[in-house]
Amino acid sequence: MTRNLLLFWGILILLVSACHNVANESSAKKNDTVTITVASFDTSAYNYIDQAVKIEGTVLHTCKHGGKRMFLIDGTDSIRVEITAGPDITKFDESLIGSKIRVFGILKKERIDAKYLNEWEAEVKKPSENHNVGVHTGAKGHEDQVTEDKLAQINALREDLKKSGKDHLSFYSIEATSFIDIK
C-alpha cells in the first residue's frame, strides 16, 4: 500500500511539473520579440508574419495624410520598411524624418491579387480620392499622385503579378505598437 501511495504521489508530482513547464514555455514564446534589420527585411519578413518584432532604422518619410505610415531605411534607401500606426499610436509626426528610431510591433502581410487591384482601380477612378487604398511605397511625392500615376502603379503591379507566375504578390509591413527615438 505504501509503495502504491508513493508511486501515485511520484506520478502526480511529475504531471504537475510537466504541466507547469509547458505553461512557462508557452508564455515565454508569446513574449519573444524577433529582431529584424532593415537590410534583411525583404528576405526574412515572411518568416515572422503575425509575430512580435523589433526593428531599428532611420525615418525616410512620414505620410502627410494622417501620419499613419512611415518608412525606415538604413544607410541607403534601396530597402524601405513600411511602418503603420497601431491602435495606440495617434500618428507619426513629420519631425521624425531623419531620426533613428526603434519600433516594436507585429509583422503584417498584405496580399495583392487581381481582385485587390480591380477594387483599387475602381476606387482610384471615383471622383473623391481614397488615400487608404493601394500600396504605399514611401516614394517622395506619392501623396500628390494624380489618377494617371495611380493607374500606372496598378498596371505595373498587374505586370509584376503576371511575371511572378503566382496568384498574388506579398507586401510586408510592421504595425507599430510603440517606438522610441534613439537618435
N, C-alpha and C. Protein backbone atom coordinates (compact mmCIF):
# COMPACT_ATOMS: atom_id res chain seq x y z
N MET A 1 0.83 -1.19 0.00
CA MET A 1 0.00 0.00 0.00
C MET A 1 0.87 1.25 0.00
N THR A 2 1.88 1.29 0.84
CA THR A 2 2.77 2.44 0.91
C THR A 2 3.49 2.64 -0.42
N ARG A 3 3.88 1.52 -1.02
CA ARG A 3 4.57 1.59 -2.30
C ARG A 3 3.66 2.19 -3.37
N ASN A 4 2.40 1.77 -3.40
CA ASN A 4 1.43 2.30 -4.36
C ASN A 4 1.18 3.79 -4.12
N LEU A 5 1.12 4.18 -2.85
CA LEU A 5 0.90 5.57 -2.50
C LEU A 5 2.08 6.44 -2.94
N LEU A 6 3.29 5.93 -2.73
CA LEU A 6 4.49 6.65 -3.17
C LEU A 6 4.52 6.76 -4.70
N LEU A 7 4.16 5.71 -5.38
CA LEU A 7 4.11 5.72 -6.83
C LEU A 7 3.08 6.74 -7.33
N PHE A 8 1.90 6.75 -6.69
CA PHE A 8 0.85 7.69 -7.04
C PHE A 8 1.34 9.14 -6.88
N TRP A 9 1.95 9.47 -5.75
CA TRP A 9 2.44 10.83 -5.49
C TRP A 9 3.58 11.19 -6.45
N GLY A 10 4.41 10.25 -6.76
CA GLY A 10 5.51 10.49 -7.71
C GLY A 10 4.99 10.86 -9.08
N ILE A 11 3.99 10.08 -9.55
CA ILE A 11 3.40 10.36 -10.86
C ILE A 11 2.68 11.70 -10.84
N LEU A 12 1.96 11.99 -9.77
CA LEU A 12 1.24 13.25 -9.66
C LEU A 12 2.21 14.45 -9.69
N ILE A 13 3.32 14.34 -8.99
CA ILE A 13 4.32 15.41 -8.98
C ILE A 13 4.90 15.61 -10.38
N LEU A 14 5.18 14.50 -11.07
CA LEU A 14 5.72 14.60 -12.44
C LEU A 14 4.72 15.28 -13.38
N LEU A 15 3.44 14.92 -13.27
CA LEU A 15 2.41 15.51 -14.12
C LEU A 15 2.27 17.01 -13.86
N VAL A 16 2.23 17.40 -12.61
CA VAL A 16 2.11 18.82 -12.26
C VAL A 16 3.32 19.59 -12.76
N SER A 17 4.48 19.02 -12.59
CA SER A 17 5.72 19.65 -13.05
C SER A 17 5.73 19.81 -14.56
N ALA A 18 5.31 18.78 -15.29
CA ALA A 18 5.28 18.83 -16.75
C ALA A 18 4.30 19.90 -17.23
N CYS A 19 3.12 19.98 -16.60
CA CYS A 19 2.14 20.98 -16.98
C CYS A 19 2.68 22.39 -16.74
N HIS A 20 3.38 22.58 -15.65
CA HIS A 20 3.94 23.88 -15.30
C HIS A 20 4.99 24.29 -16.33
N ASN A 21 5.84 23.36 -16.76
CA ASN A 21 6.87 23.66 -17.75
C ASN A 21 6.26 24.01 -19.10
N VAL A 22 5.22 23.30 -19.52
CA VAL A 22 4.55 23.60 -20.79
C VAL A 22 3.96 25.00 -20.73
N ALA A 23 3.33 25.37 -19.63
CA ALA A 23 2.74 26.70 -19.49
C ALA A 23 3.83 27.77 -19.55
N ASN A 24 4.96 27.54 -18.89
CA ASN A 24 6.05 28.52 -18.92
C ASN A 24 6.63 28.67 -20.32
N GLU A 25 6.81 27.57 -21.05
CA GLU A 25 7.34 27.64 -22.40
C GLU A 25 6.38 28.39 -23.31
N SER A 26 5.09 28.16 -23.15
CA SER A 26 4.09 28.82 -23.98
C SER A 26 4.10 30.32 -23.75
N SER A 27 4.14 30.76 -22.48
CA SER A 27 4.13 32.20 -22.22
C SER A 27 5.45 32.83 -22.62
N ALA A 28 6.55 32.10 -22.55
CA ALA A 28 7.84 32.64 -22.99
C ALA A 28 7.82 32.87 -24.50
N LYS A 29 7.23 31.97 -25.26
CA LYS A 29 7.16 32.15 -26.71
C LYS A 29 6.31 33.36 -27.07
N LYS A 30 5.25 33.62 -26.33
CA LYS A 30 4.39 34.76 -26.59
C LYS A 30 5.14 36.06 -26.36
N ASN A 31 6.05 36.07 -25.38
CA ASN A 31 6.77 37.29 -25.04
C ASN A 31 8.03 37.49 -25.87
N ASP A 32 8.42 36.53 -26.69
CA ASP A 32 9.61 36.67 -27.52
C ASP A 32 9.36 37.70 -28.61
N THR A 33 10.34 38.56 -28.79
CA THR A 33 10.30 39.55 -29.86
C THR A 33 11.49 39.28 -30.76
N VAL A 34 11.23 39.13 -32.04
CA VAL A 34 12.28 38.87 -33.02
C VAL A 34 12.87 40.20 -33.47
N THR A 35 14.20 40.27 -33.52
CA THR A 35 14.86 41.47 -34.03
C THR A 35 15.11 41.28 -35.52
N ILE A 36 14.65 42.24 -36.31
CA ILE A 36 14.83 42.22 -37.76
C ILE A 36 15.61 43.47 -38.14
N THR A 37 16.44 43.37 -39.16
CA THR A 37 17.14 44.54 -39.67
C THR A 37 16.46 45.02 -40.95
N VAL A 38 16.64 46.28 -41.24
CA VAL A 38 16.09 46.82 -42.48
C VAL A 38 16.71 46.08 -43.66
N ALA A 39 18.02 45.85 -43.61
CA ALA A 39 18.73 45.20 -44.72
C ALA A 39 18.21 43.79 -45.01
N SER A 40 17.77 43.07 -43.98
CA SER A 40 17.30 41.70 -44.19
C SER A 40 15.78 41.59 -44.28
N PHE A 41 15.08 42.72 -44.19
CA PHE A 41 13.63 42.69 -44.12
C PHE A 41 13.00 41.99 -45.32
N ASP A 42 13.42 42.36 -46.53
CA ASP A 42 12.82 41.78 -47.74
C ASP A 42 12.99 40.27 -47.83
N THR A 43 14.08 39.75 -47.28
CA THR A 43 14.35 38.32 -47.42
C THR A 43 13.91 37.50 -46.20
N SER A 44 13.56 38.16 -45.10
CA SER A 44 13.21 37.39 -43.91
C SER A 44 11.81 37.66 -43.35
N ALA A 45 11.15 38.71 -43.82
CA ALA A 45 9.86 39.10 -43.24
C ALA A 45 8.84 37.97 -43.25
N TYR A 46 8.81 37.19 -44.33
CA TYR A 46 7.80 36.13 -44.45
C TYR A 46 7.89 35.10 -43.32
N ASN A 47 9.03 35.03 -42.65
CA ASN A 47 9.21 34.09 -41.53
C ASN A 47 8.51 34.53 -40.25
N TYR A 48 8.10 35.79 -40.17
CA TYR A 48 7.63 36.33 -38.90
C TYR A 48 6.23 36.95 -38.97
N ILE A 49 5.43 36.53 -39.91
CA ILE A 49 4.08 37.07 -40.07
C ILE A 49 3.28 36.87 -38.78
N ASP A 50 2.65 37.95 -38.34
CA ASP A 50 1.83 37.99 -37.12
C ASP A 50 2.63 37.74 -35.85
N GLN A 51 3.93 37.94 -35.89
CA GLN A 51 4.77 37.80 -34.71
C GLN A 51 5.27 39.17 -34.25
N ALA A 52 5.63 39.24 -32.97
CA ALA A 52 6.20 40.47 -32.42
C ALA A 52 7.62 40.64 -32.94
N VAL A 53 7.91 41.85 -33.45
CA VAL A 53 9.23 42.14 -33.99
C VAL A 53 9.72 43.48 -33.46
N LYS A 54 11.03 43.66 -33.59
CA LYS A 54 11.69 44.92 -33.25
C LYS A 54 12.60 45.26 -34.42
N ILE A 55 12.62 46.53 -34.83
CA ILE A 55 13.47 46.96 -35.94
C ILE A 55 13.97 48.37 -35.66
N GLU A 56 15.18 48.66 -36.11
CA GLU A 56 15.74 49.99 -35.98
C GLU A 56 16.08 50.52 -37.36
N GLY A 57 15.87 51.80 -37.56
CA GLY A 57 16.21 52.41 -38.83
C GLY A 57 16.02 53.91 -38.77
N THR A 58 16.36 54.55 -39.86
CA THR A 58 16.21 55.99 -40.00
C THR A 58 14.92 56.28 -40.73
N VAL A 59 14.16 57.23 -40.22
CA VAL A 59 12.88 57.58 -40.83
C VAL A 59 13.15 58.38 -42.10
N LEU A 60 12.73 57.82 -43.22
CA LEU A 60 12.89 58.46 -44.52
C LEU A 60 11.69 59.35 -44.82
N HIS A 61 10.50 58.91 -44.40
CA HIS A 61 9.27 59.59 -44.83
C HIS A 61 8.16 59.29 -43.83
N THR A 62 7.32 60.27 -43.58
CA THR A 62 6.06 60.06 -42.87
C THR A 62 4.96 60.56 -43.79
N CYS A 63 3.85 59.85 -43.85
CA CYS A 63 2.77 60.25 -44.75
C CYS A 63 2.05 61.49 -44.22
N LYS A 64 1.79 62.41 -45.11
CA LYS A 64 1.14 63.67 -44.74
C LYS A 64 -0.32 63.48 -44.38
N HIS A 65 -1.00 62.56 -45.04
CA HIS A 65 -2.43 62.36 -44.83
C HIS A 65 -2.67 61.53 -43.57
N GLY A 66 -2.66 62.17 -42.44
CA GLY A 66 -2.99 61.49 -41.19
C GLY A 66 -1.79 60.96 -40.42
N GLY A 67 -0.63 60.86 -41.04
CA GLY A 67 0.57 60.40 -40.35
C GLY A 67 0.50 58.96 -39.88
N LYS A 68 -0.27 58.14 -40.55
CA LYS A 68 -0.46 56.75 -40.13
C LYS A 68 0.60 55.80 -40.68
N ARG A 69 1.51 56.31 -41.55
CA ARG A 69 2.57 55.47 -42.11
C ARG A 69 3.89 56.23 -42.06
N MET A 70 4.95 55.46 -41.90
CA MET A 70 6.29 55.99 -42.07
C MET A 70 7.15 54.89 -42.68
N PHE A 71 8.30 55.27 -43.19
CA PHE A 71 9.18 54.32 -43.85
C PHE A 71 10.58 54.44 -43.28
N LEU A 72 11.16 53.28 -42.95
CA LEU A 72 12.51 53.22 -42.39
C LEU A 72 13.50 52.76 -43.44
N ILE A 73 14.72 53.28 -43.35
CA ILE A 73 15.83 52.84 -44.18
C ILE A 73 17.04 52.66 -43.27
N ASP A 74 18.11 52.08 -43.82
CA ASP A 74 19.37 52.03 -43.07
C ASP A 74 20.51 52.31 -44.04
N GLY A 75 21.04 53.51 -43.99
CA GLY A 75 22.17 53.84 -44.84
C GLY A 75 21.81 54.23 -46.25
N THR A 76 21.06 53.40 -46.93
CA THR A 76 20.61 53.73 -48.28
C THR A 76 19.10 53.63 -48.27
N ASP A 77 18.48 54.10 -49.32
CA ASP A 77 17.02 53.94 -49.37
C ASP A 77 16.62 52.87 -50.36
N SER A 78 17.52 51.91 -50.61
CA SER A 78 17.19 50.83 -51.54
C SER A 78 16.18 49.86 -50.95
N ILE A 79 16.18 49.72 -49.63
CA ILE A 79 15.17 48.90 -48.95
C ILE A 79 14.42 49.82 -47.99
N ARG A 80 13.12 49.85 -48.15
CA ARG A 80 12.26 50.65 -47.28
C ARG A 80 11.33 49.71 -46.54
N VAL A 81 11.20 49.94 -45.26
CA VAL A 81 10.28 49.15 -44.45
C VAL A 81 9.12 50.04 -44.05
N GLU A 82 7.93 49.60 -44.43
CA GLU A 82 6.73 50.36 -44.08
C GLU A 82 6.33 50.06 -42.65
N ILE A 83 6.10 51.13 -41.90
CA ILE A 83 5.63 51.03 -40.53
C ILE A 83 4.26 51.71 -40.48
N THR A 84 3.25 51.00 -40.00
CA THR A 84 1.92 51.59 -39.87
C THR A 84 1.62 51.81 -38.39
N ALA A 85 0.84 52.82 -38.12
CA ALA A 85 0.49 53.14 -36.74
C ALA A 85 -0.54 52.15 -36.22
N GLY A 86 -0.22 51.50 -35.12
CA GLY A 86 -1.16 50.59 -34.47
C GLY A 86 -2.23 51.39 -33.73
N PRO A 87 -3.18 50.70 -33.10
CA PRO A 87 -4.30 51.38 -32.46
C PRO A 87 -3.90 52.35 -31.34
N ASP A 88 -2.74 52.15 -30.72
CA ASP A 88 -2.33 53.02 -29.61
C ASP A 88 -1.45 54.18 -30.06
N ILE A 89 -1.21 54.30 -31.36
CA ILE A 89 -0.37 55.39 -31.87
C ILE A 89 -1.24 56.33 -32.69
N THR A 90 -1.32 57.57 -32.27
CA THR A 90 -2.16 58.55 -32.95
C THR A 90 -1.65 58.84 -34.35
N LYS A 91 -0.35 59.14 -34.46
CA LYS A 91 0.26 59.43 -35.76
C LYS A 91 1.76 59.48 -35.62
N PHE A 92 2.44 59.41 -36.77
CA PHE A 92 3.88 59.60 -36.83
C PHE A 92 4.11 61.04 -37.29
N ASP A 93 4.73 61.83 -36.46
CA ASP A 93 4.95 63.23 -36.74
C ASP A 93 6.05 63.42 -37.78
N GLU A 94 5.92 64.43 -38.61
CA GLU A 94 6.92 64.73 -39.63
C GLU A 94 8.29 65.05 -39.03
N SER A 95 8.31 65.48 -37.79
CA SER A 95 9.59 65.81 -37.13
C SER A 95 10.47 64.57 -36.95
N LEU A 96 9.91 63.36 -37.13
CA LEU A 96 10.69 62.13 -37.03
C LEU A 96 11.60 61.91 -38.24
N ILE A 97 11.33 62.57 -39.35
CA ILE A 97 12.13 62.37 -40.56
C ILE A 97 13.59 62.66 -40.26
N GLY A 98 14.44 61.70 -40.59
CA GLY A 98 15.88 61.82 -40.33
C GLY A 98 16.31 61.23 -39.00
N SER A 99 15.36 60.94 -38.12
CA SER A 99 15.67 60.37 -36.81
C SER A 99 15.89 58.87 -36.89
N LYS A 100 16.76 58.37 -36.04
CA LYS A 100 16.92 56.93 -35.91
C LYS A 100 15.97 56.49 -34.81
N ILE A 101 15.14 55.49 -35.13
CA ILE A 101 14.15 55.04 -34.15
C ILE A 101 14.17 53.52 -34.03
N ARG A 102 13.64 53.04 -32.93
CA ARG A 102 13.43 51.61 -32.69
C ARG A 102 11.92 51.41 -32.60
N VAL A 103 11.43 50.50 -33.41
CA VAL A 103 9.99 50.23 -33.49
C VAL A 103 9.71 48.83 -32.98
N PHE A 104 8.69 48.71 -32.16
CA PHE A 104 8.18 47.42 -31.70
C PHE A 104 6.80 47.25 -32.32
N GLY A 105 6.52 46.07 -32.84
CA GLY A 105 5.21 45.88 -33.45
C GLY A 105 4.99 44.46 -33.92
N ILE A 106 3.97 44.30 -34.72
CA ILE A 106 3.57 43.00 -35.27
C ILE A 106 3.79 43.03 -36.78
N LEU A 107 4.48 42.03 -37.29
CA LEU A 107 4.74 41.97 -38.73
C LEU A 107 3.48 41.52 -39.46
N LYS A 108 3.09 42.28 -40.47
CA LYS A 108 1.86 42.02 -41.22
C LYS A 108 2.18 41.74 -42.68
N LYS A 109 1.33 40.95 -43.30
CA LYS A 109 1.46 40.64 -44.73
C LYS A 109 0.22 41.16 -45.44
N GLU A 110 0.46 41.87 -46.54
CA GLU A 110 -0.64 42.30 -47.39
C GLU A 110 -0.57 41.51 -48.68
N ARG A 111 -1.67 40.92 -49.03
CA ARG A 111 -1.75 40.06 -50.21
C ARG A 111 -2.40 40.85 -51.34
N ILE A 112 -1.66 41.02 -52.44
CA ILE A 112 -2.17 41.75 -53.60
C ILE A 112 -2.45 40.75 -54.71
N ASP A 113 -3.73 40.64 -55.07
CA ASP A 113 -4.11 39.74 -56.17
C ASP A 113 -4.94 40.54 -57.18
N ALA A 114 -5.41 39.87 -58.21
CA ALA A 114 -6.16 40.56 -59.27
C ALA A 114 -7.41 41.24 -58.71
N LYS A 115 -8.10 40.59 -57.79
CA LYS A 115 -9.31 41.18 -57.21
C LYS A 115 -8.96 42.48 -56.48
N TYR A 116 -7.89 42.45 -55.70
CA TYR A 116 -7.46 43.64 -54.96
C TYR A 116 -7.16 44.78 -55.94
N LEU A 117 -6.41 44.48 -57.01
CA LEU A 117 -6.05 45.50 -57.99
C LEU A 117 -7.29 46.07 -58.69
N ASN A 118 -8.26 45.22 -58.98
CA ASN A 118 -9.51 45.69 -59.60
C ASN A 118 -10.27 46.63 -58.67
N GLU A 119 -10.33 46.28 -57.39
CA GLU A 119 -11.02 47.13 -56.41
C GLU A 119 -10.29 48.46 -56.24
N TRP A 120 -8.95 48.40 -56.21
CA TRP A 120 -8.16 49.62 -56.07
C TRP A 120 -8.38 50.53 -57.28
N GLU A 121 -8.38 49.93 -58.46
CA GLU A 121 -8.60 50.72 -59.68
C GLU A 121 -9.98 51.40 -59.64
N ALA A 122 -10.99 50.69 -59.19
CA ALA A 122 -12.34 51.27 -59.09
C ALA A 122 -12.34 52.45 -58.11
N GLU A 123 -11.61 52.33 -56.99
CA GLU A 123 -11.52 53.42 -56.01
C GLU A 123 -10.82 54.64 -56.61
N VAL A 124 -9.72 54.38 -57.33
CA VAL A 124 -8.95 55.47 -57.93
C VAL A 124 -9.79 56.24 -58.94
N LYS A 125 -10.64 55.54 -59.64
CA LYS A 125 -11.45 56.17 -60.68
C LYS A 125 -12.65 56.94 -60.12
N LYS A 126 -12.92 56.77 -58.82
CA LYS A 126 -14.01 57.54 -58.20
C LYS A 126 -13.58 59.00 -58.11
N PRO A 127 -14.53 59.92 -58.13
CA PRO A 127 -14.18 61.34 -58.07
C PRO A 127 -13.44 61.74 -56.78
N SER A 128 -13.79 61.17 -55.66
CA SER A 128 -13.11 61.54 -54.42
C SER A 128 -11.99 60.54 -54.15
N GLU A 129 -10.83 61.07 -53.79
CA GLU A 129 -9.65 60.23 -53.56
C GLU A 129 -9.79 59.47 -52.24
N ASN A 130 -9.34 58.23 -52.26
CA ASN A 130 -9.29 57.43 -51.04
C ASN A 130 -7.83 57.07 -50.79
N HIS A 131 -7.19 57.80 -49.91
CA HIS A 131 -5.75 57.62 -49.66
C HIS A 131 -5.44 56.30 -48.97
N ASN A 132 -6.40 55.68 -48.33
CA ASN A 132 -6.13 54.45 -47.58
C ASN A 132 -6.11 53.21 -48.45
N VAL A 133 -6.40 53.35 -49.74
CA VAL A 133 -6.43 52.21 -50.64
C VAL A 133 -5.15 52.19 -51.45
N GLY A 134 -4.61 51.00 -51.68
CA GLY A 134 -3.44 50.87 -52.54
C GLY A 134 -2.19 50.53 -51.76
N VAL A 135 -1.12 50.38 -52.51
CA VAL A 135 0.16 50.03 -51.93
C VAL A 135 0.97 51.31 -51.80
N HIS A 136 1.43 51.59 -50.59
CA HIS A 136 2.23 52.79 -50.34
C HIS A 136 3.69 52.40 -50.33
N THR A 137 4.49 53.16 -51.08
CA THR A 137 5.91 52.84 -51.20
C THR A 137 6.79 53.79 -50.43
N GLY A 138 6.24 54.91 -50.00
CA GLY A 138 7.04 55.90 -49.30
C GLY A 138 7.85 56.75 -50.26
N ALA A 139 7.62 56.60 -51.56
CA ALA A 139 8.35 57.40 -52.54
C ALA A 139 7.96 58.86 -52.38
N LYS A 140 8.94 59.74 -52.59
CA LYS A 140 8.71 61.17 -52.45
C LYS A 140 7.56 61.59 -53.38
N GLY A 141 6.60 62.32 -52.83
CA GLY A 141 5.51 62.84 -53.62
C GLY A 141 4.36 61.88 -53.86
N HIS A 142 4.36 60.69 -53.23
CA HIS A 142 3.28 59.74 -53.53
C HIS A 142 1.91 60.25 -53.11
N GLU A 143 1.87 61.17 -52.13
CA GLU A 143 0.58 61.73 -51.72
C GLU A 143 -0.02 62.62 -52.80
N ASP A 144 0.84 63.16 -53.66
CA ASP A 144 0.39 64.10 -54.67
C ASP A 144 0.14 63.43 -56.02
N GLN A 145 0.13 62.10 -56.04
CA GLN A 145 -0.09 61.39 -57.31
C GLN A 145 -1.45 61.74 -57.90
N VAL A 146 -1.45 61.90 -59.20
CA VAL A 146 -2.71 62.11 -59.91
C VAL A 146 -3.24 60.73 -60.30
N THR A 147 -4.48 60.71 -60.75
CA THR A 147 -5.14 59.45 -61.11
C THR A 147 -4.31 58.62 -62.09
N GLU A 148 -3.72 59.28 -63.09
CA GLU A 148 -2.94 58.55 -64.09
C GLU A 148 -1.74 57.84 -63.46
N ASP A 149 -1.10 58.50 -62.49
CA ASP A 149 0.05 57.89 -61.80
C ASP A 149 -0.38 56.66 -61.01
N LYS A 150 -1.52 56.76 -60.36
CA LYS A 150 -2.02 55.62 -59.58
C LYS A 150 -2.40 54.46 -60.49
N LEU A 151 -3.03 54.78 -61.61
CA LEU A 151 -3.39 53.73 -62.56
C LEU A 151 -2.14 53.08 -63.14
N ALA A 152 -1.09 53.87 -63.36
CA ALA A 152 0.17 53.31 -63.85
C ALA A 152 0.77 52.37 -62.80
N GLN A 153 0.66 52.75 -61.52
CA GLN A 153 1.15 51.88 -60.45
C GLN A 153 0.37 50.57 -60.42
N ILE A 154 -0.93 50.66 -60.57
CA ILE A 154 -1.77 49.45 -60.59
C ILE A 154 -1.38 48.56 -61.76
N ASN A 155 -1.20 49.15 -62.92
CA ASN A 155 -0.81 48.35 -64.09
C ASN A 155 0.57 47.73 -63.93
N ALA A 156 1.49 48.45 -63.30
CA ALA A 156 2.82 47.89 -63.03
C ALA A 156 2.71 46.69 -62.09
N LEU A 157 1.84 46.79 -61.09
CA LEU A 157 1.63 45.66 -60.19
C LEU A 157 0.98 44.49 -60.91
N ARG A 158 0.09 44.77 -61.84
CA ARG A 158 -0.51 43.69 -62.64
C ARG A 158 0.58 42.97 -63.45
N GLU A 159 1.51 43.74 -64.01
CA GLU A 159 2.62 43.14 -64.76
C GLU A 159 3.51 42.31 -63.83
N ASP A 160 3.81 42.85 -62.64
CA ASP A 160 4.61 42.10 -61.66
C ASP A 160 3.92 40.80 -61.28
N LEU A 161 2.61 40.87 -61.09
CA LEU A 161 1.83 39.68 -60.75
C LEU A 161 1.91 38.65 -61.87
N LYS A 162 1.76 39.10 -63.10
CA LYS A 162 1.82 38.20 -64.25
C LYS A 162 3.21 37.56 -64.34
N LYS A 163 4.26 38.36 -64.19
CA LYS A 163 5.64 37.86 -64.29
C LYS A 163 5.97 36.88 -63.16
N SER A 164 5.34 37.07 -62.00
CA SER A 164 5.65 36.21 -60.85
C SER A 164 5.18 34.77 -61.04
N GLY A 165 4.15 34.58 -61.88
CA GLY A 165 3.61 33.25 -62.07
C GLY A 165 2.78 32.77 -60.90
N LYS A 166 2.53 33.66 -59.95
CA LYS A 166 1.74 33.31 -58.76
C LYS A 166 0.37 33.98 -58.87
N ASP A 167 -0.51 33.63 -57.95
CA ASP A 167 -1.83 34.25 -57.95
C ASP A 167 -1.88 35.52 -57.09
N HIS A 168 -0.75 35.86 -56.44
CA HIS A 168 -0.71 37.06 -55.61
C HIS A 168 0.73 37.54 -55.42
N LEU A 169 0.85 38.79 -55.03
CA LEU A 169 2.12 39.37 -54.59
C LEU A 169 2.00 39.61 -53.10
N SER A 170 3.10 39.52 -52.40
CA SER A 170 3.09 39.75 -50.96
C SER A 170 3.90 40.99 -50.61
N PHE A 171 3.32 41.84 -49.78
CA PHE A 171 4.00 43.02 -49.27
C PHE A 171 3.94 42.95 -47.75
N TYR A 172 5.04 43.29 -47.12
CA TYR A 172 5.15 43.16 -45.67
C TYR A 172 5.33 44.53 -45.04
N SER A 173 4.78 44.68 -43.84
CA SER A 173 4.93 45.92 -43.08
C SER A 173 4.90 45.55 -41.60
N ILE A 174 5.17 46.55 -40.79
CA ILE A 174 5.11 46.35 -39.34
C ILE A 174 4.05 47.29 -38.79
N GLU A 175 3.09 46.72 -38.06
CA GLU A 175 2.10 47.53 -37.36
C GLU A 175 2.70 47.87 -36.00
N ALA A 176 3.06 49.13 -35.83
CA ALA A 176 3.77 49.55 -34.61
C ALA A 176 2.86 49.55 -33.39
N THR A 177 3.36 48.97 -32.32
CA THR A 177 2.69 49.06 -31.04
C THR A 177 3.33 50.16 -30.20
N SER A 178 4.63 50.43 -30.45
CA SER A 178 5.34 51.52 -29.80
C SER A 178 6.63 51.79 -30.56
N PHE A 179 7.21 52.94 -30.29
CA PHE A 179 8.50 53.26 -30.89
C PHE A 179 9.21 54.27 -30.01
N ILE A 180 10.54 54.29 -30.12
CA ILE A 180 11.31 55.27 -29.38
C ILE A 180 12.36 55.88 -30.31
N ASP A 181 12.63 57.15 -30.08
CA ASP A 181 13.65 57.87 -30.83
C ASP A 181 14.98 57.57 -30.16
N ILE A 182 15.91 56.93 -30.89
CA ILE A 182 17.20 56.58 -30.27
C ILE A 182 18.33 57.47 -30.77
N LYS A 183 18.02 58.41 -31.61
CA LYS A 183 18.93 59.42 -32.16
C LYS A 183 20.18 58.80 -32.54
